[in-house]
Amino acid sequence: MSSIVVNPKSEKELRFLSELLQKLGIDAKVLSDEEVEDLGLSLLMKDIDRADQVSEDEVMEKLGG
């Protein structure tokens, strides 16, 4: 099933939406900023072309080492 991601503008709006979804019997989970960031990174990682390889020298050059 698909999901909806909602970004409330305030804490008051977050509480209102959470309570509304609960009253409607809809499962909802509040994510921290860190969890949202982790989710975004995992989606980006999912789309990476794993066939493309980079040498160790190129990695060290990017890291400044």
Protein backbone atom coordinates (compact mmCIF):
# COMPACT_ATOMS: atom_id res chain seq x y z
CA MET A 1 0.00 0.00 0.00
CA SER A 2 1.14 3.56 -0.60
CA SER A 3 1.83 6.13 2.10
CA ILE A 4 1.41 9.86 2.54
CA VAL A 5 4.10 12.07 4.03
CA VAL A 6 2.84 15.27 5.64
CA ASN A 7 5.02 18.09 6.99
CA PRO A 8 3.00 20.17 9.45
CA LYS A 9 3.94 23.82 9.84
CA SER A 10 3.76 23.87 13.63
CA GLU A 11 3.60 21.68 16.72
CA LYS A 12 -0.08 22.59 17.07
CA GLU A 13 -0.79 21.39 13.52
CA LEU A 14 1.17 18.17 14.20
CA ARG A 15 -0.93 17.43 17.29
CA PHE A 16 -4.16 18.19 15.40
CA LEU A 17 -3.28 15.87 12.50
CA SER A 18 -2.10 13.11 14.85
CA GLU A 19 -5.33 13.27 16.84
CA LEU A 20 -7.46 13.38 13.69
CA LEU A 21 -5.75 10.33 12.20
CA GLN A 22 -6.12 8.47 15.49
CA LYS A 23 -9.85 9.27 15.64
CA LEU A 24 -10.23 8.06 12.04
CA GLY A 25 -8.48 4.81 12.95
CA ILE A 26 -5.58 5.49 10.61
CA ASP A 27 -2.15 4.28 11.73
CA ALA A 28 0.36 7.12 11.84
CA LYS A 29 3.92 7.53 13.07
CA VAL A 30 5.66 10.79 13.89
CA LEU A 31 9.24 10.82 12.59
CA SER A 32 12.06 12.87 14.06
CA ASP A 33 14.14 15.10 11.77
CA GLU A 34 16.91 12.50 11.95
CA GLU A 35 14.55 9.69 10.90
CA VAL A 36 13.30 11.76 7.94
CA GLU A 37 16.91 12.39 6.89
CA ASP A 38 17.72 8.66 7.20
CA LEU A 39 14.69 7.81 5.07
CA GLY A 40 15.77 10.28 2.39
CA LEU A 41 19.30 8.89 2.35
CA SER A 42 18.02 5.33 2.08
CA LEU A 43 15.86 6.31 -0.90
CA LEU A 44 18.88 7.91 -2.58
CA MET A 45 21.01 4.85 -1.88
CA LYS A 46 18.33 2.63 -3.42
CA ASP A 47 18.69 4.44 -6.74
CA ILE A 48 22.50 4.28 -6.90
CA ASP A 49 24.08 2.54 -9.90
CA ARG A 50 26.10 -0.17 -8.17
CA ALA A 51 27.76 -1.21 -11.42
CA ASP A 52 29.80 2.01 -11.41
CA GLN A 53 32.99 1.51 -9.40
CA VAL A 54 35.45 4.08 -8.09
CA SER A 55 39.10 3.46 -7.31
CA GLU A 56 40.49 3.82 -3.79
CA ASP A 57 42.69 6.69 -5.03
CA GLU A 58 39.62 8.63 -6.22
CA VAL A 59 37.90 8.13 -2.87
CA MET A 60 40.97 9.29 -0.94
CA GLU A 61 41.29 12.32 -3.23
CA LYS A 62 37.66 13.33 -2.50
CA LEU A 63 38.24 12.84 1.23
CA GLY A 64 41.31 15.03 1.06
CA GLY A 65 43.71 12.25 2.04
